[in-house]
Amino acid sequence: MKTPGADKQSSPVDIAGVTARLAKMDTCVVSDALDRLDIRGVAFGLRRLGAPSRVAGRVITVTLGPAEGGVAARHLCTAAVDQGGPGDVIVVEHHSHRQAAGWGGILSFAAKTKGIEGVIVDGMCRDIDEAIEFGFPVFGAGAVPSTARGRVMEIACQEPIVVCGIRVYPGDWVLADGSGVVFFPASRAEEVVATAEGLASRERQMLQRVRDGEAVSVVMSHQYESMLKG
């Protein structure tokens, strides 16, 4: 049976072009675009922990779960790092253990070496100082020093996951920065990015009007409230 979203690449998408365009935006304008298109994609509760960089790209998914005495086939997240590269962002569902990290320093170093854009963990991470030293962006719910060993193991790689209540599929798009994290489906990538570009252009016009001396109350009183309506 085909999983939901499996046909999301039925029409050709300029992956490199979308990534480059997305990387020029911030999460706020993309969130506005999602509002306008009625797409739920803001991951409430995640924040930047590692290097202060914007992260944009396509999603590689990882699912973690409780170890419960089981023996993992491999160390968590290593398969995602091995298959990732430039333009990829690893996204980890890590809901089972708030006292154990689902990402750490060696993984950050390896991912940085592969050219992976960053990692987003719906859960806890560790070795944040190392991630900053390596210049590798890490986003998550928070940081703890305790290891995953004996507590958490990888359940799946490149299967659909849930991040802050949002269903995320391999190949979906993500943007993360100092304001937070937003996801959107691969099937609507061009639509979302084009809408966000239009909204960003309108915001630049508003900034210019303020620069030119117009009162901000006038600039924002009507246009700001109506700009998401088209």
Protein backbone atom coordinates (compact mmCIF):
# COMPACT_ATOMS: atom_id res chain seq x y z
CA MET A 1 0.00 0.00 0.00
CA LYS A 2 1.32 3.42 -0.93
CA THR A 3 1.90 5.67 2.06
CA PRO A 4 0.35 9.15 2.14
CA GLY A 5 2.53 11.64 0.32
CA ALA A 6 4.32 8.94 -1.65
CA ASP A 7 3.36 10.59 -4.94
CA LYS A 8 4.47 14.03 -3.84
CA GLN A 9 7.17 14.20 -6.51
CA SER A 10 4.80 13.37 -9.40
CA SER A 11 5.55 16.74 -10.99
CA PRO A 12 9.16 17.83 -11.48
CA VAL A 13 10.54 20.17 -8.82
CA ASP A 14 13.76 22.15 -9.09
CA ILE A 15 15.13 20.89 -5.78
CA ALA A 16 18.32 22.96 -5.81
CA GLY A 17 16.38 26.05 -6.88
CA VAL A 18 13.72 25.67 -4.19
CA THR A 19 16.40 25.10 -1.55
CA ALA A 20 18.29 28.24 -2.59
CA ARG A 21 15.11 30.34 -2.61
CA LEU A 22 13.98 28.97 0.74
CA ALA A 23 17.37 29.65 2.33
CA LYS A 24 16.94 33.37 1.59
CA MET A 25 13.76 33.57 3.68
CA ASP A 26 12.98 33.42 7.37
CA THR A 27 10.50 31.19 9.14
CA CYS A 28 8.17 34.10 9.88
CA VAL A 29 7.36 34.85 6.24
CA VAL A 30 7.07 31.14 5.46
CA SER A 31 4.69 30.78 8.41
CA ASP A 32 2.65 33.64 6.92
CA ALA A 33 2.59 31.80 3.59
CA LEU A 34 1.39 28.64 5.31
CA ASP A 35 -1.40 30.64 6.98
CA ARG A 36 -2.45 32.04 3.64
CA LEU A 37 -2.46 28.57 2.05
CA ASP A 38 -4.13 26.94 5.07
CA ILE A 39 -1.23 24.55 5.68
CA ARG A 40 -0.36 23.51 9.24
CA GLY A 41 3.41 23.48 9.48
CA VAL A 42 4.76 25.47 12.45
CA ALA A 43 6.53 23.18 14.94
CA PHE A 44 5.69 24.85 18.23
CA GLY A 45 8.15 24.14 21.04
CA LEU A 46 11.40 23.70 19.11
CA ARG A 47 14.25 26.20 19.29
CA ARG A 48 17.78 26.71 18.05
CA LEU A 49 20.38 25.03 20.28
CA GLY A 50 23.52 24.75 18.15
CA ALA A 51 25.32 26.97 15.66
CA PRO A 52 23.43 30.21 14.86
CA SER A 53 22.65 29.40 11.24
CA ARG A 54 19.51 29.22 9.16
CA VAL A 55 18.73 25.69 7.99
CA ALA A 56 16.79 24.94 4.80
CA GLY A 57 16.36 21.72 2.89
CA ARG A 58 14.60 18.45 2.37
CA VAL A 59 13.84 16.12 5.23
CA ILE A 60 15.49 12.81 6.10
CA THR A 61 13.39 11.26 8.87
CA VAL A 62 14.39 9.19 11.90
CA THR A 63 12.07 7.60 14.49
CA LEU A 64 13.37 6.86 17.98
CA GLY A 65 11.72 4.81 20.71
CA PRO A 66 12.44 3.25 24.09
CA ALA A 67 15.22 0.66 24.17
CA GLU A 68 13.42 -1.54 26.72
CA GLY A 69 16.22 -4.10 26.68
CA GLY A 70 16.23 -4.43 22.91
CA VAL A 71 19.36 -4.55 20.78
CA ALA A 72 19.57 -1.85 18.12
CA ALA A 73 20.60 -2.84 14.62
CA ARG A 74 22.77 0.28 14.45
CA HIS A 75 23.51 3.41 16.46
CA LEU A 76 20.64 5.86 16.27
CA CYS A 77 20.66 8.38 13.40
CA THR A 78 23.78 6.94 11.74
CA ALA A 79 21.88 5.64 8.69
CA ALA A 80 20.42 9.11 8.15
CA VAL A 81 23.88 10.68 8.34
CA ASP A 82 25.33 8.09 5.97
CA GLN A 83 22.72 8.79 3.28
CA GLY A 84 22.56 12.56 3.78
CA GLY A 85 24.43 15.40 2.12
CA PRO A 86 24.11 19.04 1.06
CA GLY A 87 20.49 20.16 0.92
CA ASP A 88 19.37 17.54 3.45
CA VAL A 89 18.12 18.14 6.99
CA ILE A 90 17.80 15.26 9.46
CA VAL A 91 14.56 15.40 11.45
CA VAL A 92 14.15 13.12 14.47
CA GLU A 93 10.98 12.04 16.25
CA HIS A 94 12.16 11.51 19.83
CA HIS A 95 9.16 11.39 22.12
CA SER A 96 9.81 8.42 24.38
CA HIS A 97 12.43 9.70 26.84
CA ARG A 98 12.80 13.26 28.10
CA GLN A 99 15.88 12.36 30.17
CA ALA A 100 17.96 11.00 27.27
CA ALA A 101 19.42 12.68 24.21
CA GLY A 102 18.42 11.67 20.71
CA TRP A 103 21.40 13.39 19.11
CA GLY A 104 25.01 14.01 20.16
CA GLY A 105 28.41 15.39 19.32
CA ILE A 106 29.89 12.65 17.14
CA LEU A 107 26.73 12.67 15.04
CA SER A 108 27.02 16.45 14.69
CA PHE A 109 30.61 16.14 13.53
CA ALA A 110 29.80 13.37 11.06
CA ALA A 111 26.80 15.26 9.68
CA LYS A 112 28.86 18.42 9.30
CA THR A 113 31.52 16.43 7.44
CA LYS A 114 28.87 15.08 5.03
CA GLY A 115 27.60 18.59 4.29
CA ILE A 116 24.20 17.98 5.91
CA GLU A 117 22.50 21.32 6.62
CA GLY A 118 21.42 20.61 10.21
CA VAL A 119 19.34 18.45 12.54
CA ILE A 120 15.95 19.04 14.12
CA VAL A 121 14.98 16.84 17.07
CA ASP A 122 11.49 16.74 18.51
CA GLY A 123 12.98 15.93 21.89
CA MET A 124 16.23 16.36 23.75
CA CYS A 125 19.81 16.65 22.41
CA ARG A 126 23.26 16.74 23.99
CA ASP A 127 26.82 17.91 23.25
CA ILE A 128 25.49 21.32 22.25
CA ASP A 129 28.82 23.03 22.94
CA GLU A 130 30.47 20.62 20.51
CA ALA A 131 27.83 21.31 17.86
CA ILE A 132 28.57 25.02 18.21
CA GLU A 133 32.31 24.33 17.99
CA PHE A 134 31.76 22.30 14.82
CA GLY A 135 29.50 24.98 13.36
CA PHE A 136 26.62 22.50 13.02
CA PRO A 137 23.05 23.76 13.49
CA VAL A 138 20.99 21.80 16.03
CA PHE A 139 17.35 22.52 16.83
CA GLY A 140 15.36 20.73 19.50
CA ALA A 141 13.10 20.89 22.53
CA GLY A 142 16.06 21.24 24.88
CA ALA A 143 19.39 19.81 26.00
CA VAL A 144 20.37 17.14 28.53
CA PRO A 145 23.77 15.54 29.23
CA SER A 146 22.47 11.97 29.61
CA THR A 147 23.14 9.40 26.90
CA ALA A 148 20.69 7.38 24.81
CA ARG A 149 22.54 4.15 25.68
CA GLY A 150 20.16 1.67 27.24
CA ARG A 151 17.35 4.21 27.09
CA VAL A 152 16.59 5.02 23.44
CA MET A 153 17.06 3.21 20.14
CA GLU A 154 16.29 3.87 16.49
CA ILE A 155 13.01 2.37 15.32
CA ALA A 156 12.95 3.51 11.69
CA CYS A 157 14.69 5.68 9.10
CA GLN A 158 12.95 7.35 6.18
CA GLU A 159 9.44 6.58 7.39
CA PRO A 160 6.73 9.18 8.16
CA ILE A 161 7.14 10.84 11.57
CA VAL A 162 5.26 13.27 13.80
CA VAL A 163 7.02 16.47 14.88
CA CYS A 164 5.16 18.68 17.35
CA GLY A 165 1.91 17.20 16.09
CA ILE A 166 2.76 17.71 12.41
CA ARG A 167 2.95 14.72 10.09
CA VAL A 168 6.28 14.91 8.25
CA TYR A 169 7.29 12.69 5.34
CA PRO A 170 10.74 11.96 3.90
CA GLY A 171 11.39 14.53 1.19
CA ASP A 172 9.21 17.24 2.74
CA TRP A 173 10.75 20.68 3.22
CA VAL A 174 11.87 22.41 6.39
CA LEU A 175 13.18 25.84 7.32
CA ALA A 176 14.58 26.63 10.78
CA ASP A 177 16.07 29.78 12.27
CA GLY A 178 16.08 31.83 15.44
CA SER A 179 12.29 32.18 15.39
CA GLY A 180 11.54 28.46 15.13
CA VAL A 181 10.88 25.64 12.70
CA VAL A 182 8.38 25.26 9.84
CA PHE A 183 7.59 22.28 7.61
CA PHE A 184 5.62 22.00 4.39
CA PRO A 185 4.78 19.15 2.01
CA ALA A 186 6.97 18.39 -0.98
CA SER A 187 3.90 18.44 -3.20
CA ARG A 188 3.33 22.13 -2.41
CA ALA A 189 6.92 23.35 -2.31
CA GLU A 190 6.73 25.70 -5.31
CA GLU A 191 3.41 27.13 -4.13
CA VAL A 192 4.65 27.79 -0.60
CA VAL A 193 7.95 29.33 -1.68
CA ALA A 194 6.35 31.55 -4.33
CA THR A 195 3.71 32.76 -1.84
CA ALA A 196 6.39 33.50 0.76
CA GLU A 197 8.43 35.42 -1.81
CA GLY A 198 5.40 37.56 -2.63
CA LEU A 199 4.77 38.30 1.04
CA ALA A 200 8.44 39.13 1.61
CA SER A 201 8.31 41.59 -1.27
CA ARG A 202 5.31 43.33 0.27
CA GLU A 203 7.08 43.53 3.62
CA ARG A 204 10.10 45.14 1.95
CA GLN A 205 7.79 47.72 0.40
CA MET A 206 6.35 48.49 3.83
CA LEU A 207 9.84 48.89 5.28
CA GLN A 208 10.72 51.30 2.50
CA ARG A 209 7.63 53.41 3.24
CA VAL A 210 8.75 53.67 6.89
CA ARG A 211 12.26 54.54 5.69
CA ASP A 212 10.76 57.28 3.56
CA GLY A 213 9.17 58.84 6.62
CA GLU A 214 5.62 57.49 6.55
CA ALA A 215 4.19 56.77 10.00
CA VAL A 216 4.35 53.10 10.90
CA SER A 217 0.77 53.29 12.17
CA VAL A 218 -0.34 54.23 8.68
CA VAL A 219 1.86 51.65 6.95
CA MET A 220 0.70 48.76 9.12
CA SER A 221 -2.88 49.69 9.98
CA HIS A 222 -4.42 48.33 6.81
CA GLN A 223 -1.84 46.60 4.63
CA TYR A 224 -0.38 44.37 7.34
CA GLU A 225 -3.76 43.01 8.41
CA SER A 226 -4.89 42.36 4.85
CA MET A 227 -1.68 41.08 3.27
CA LEU A 228 -2.40 37.40 3.96
CA LYS A 229 -5.70 37.59 2.11
CA GLY A 230 -4.15 37.96 -1.32
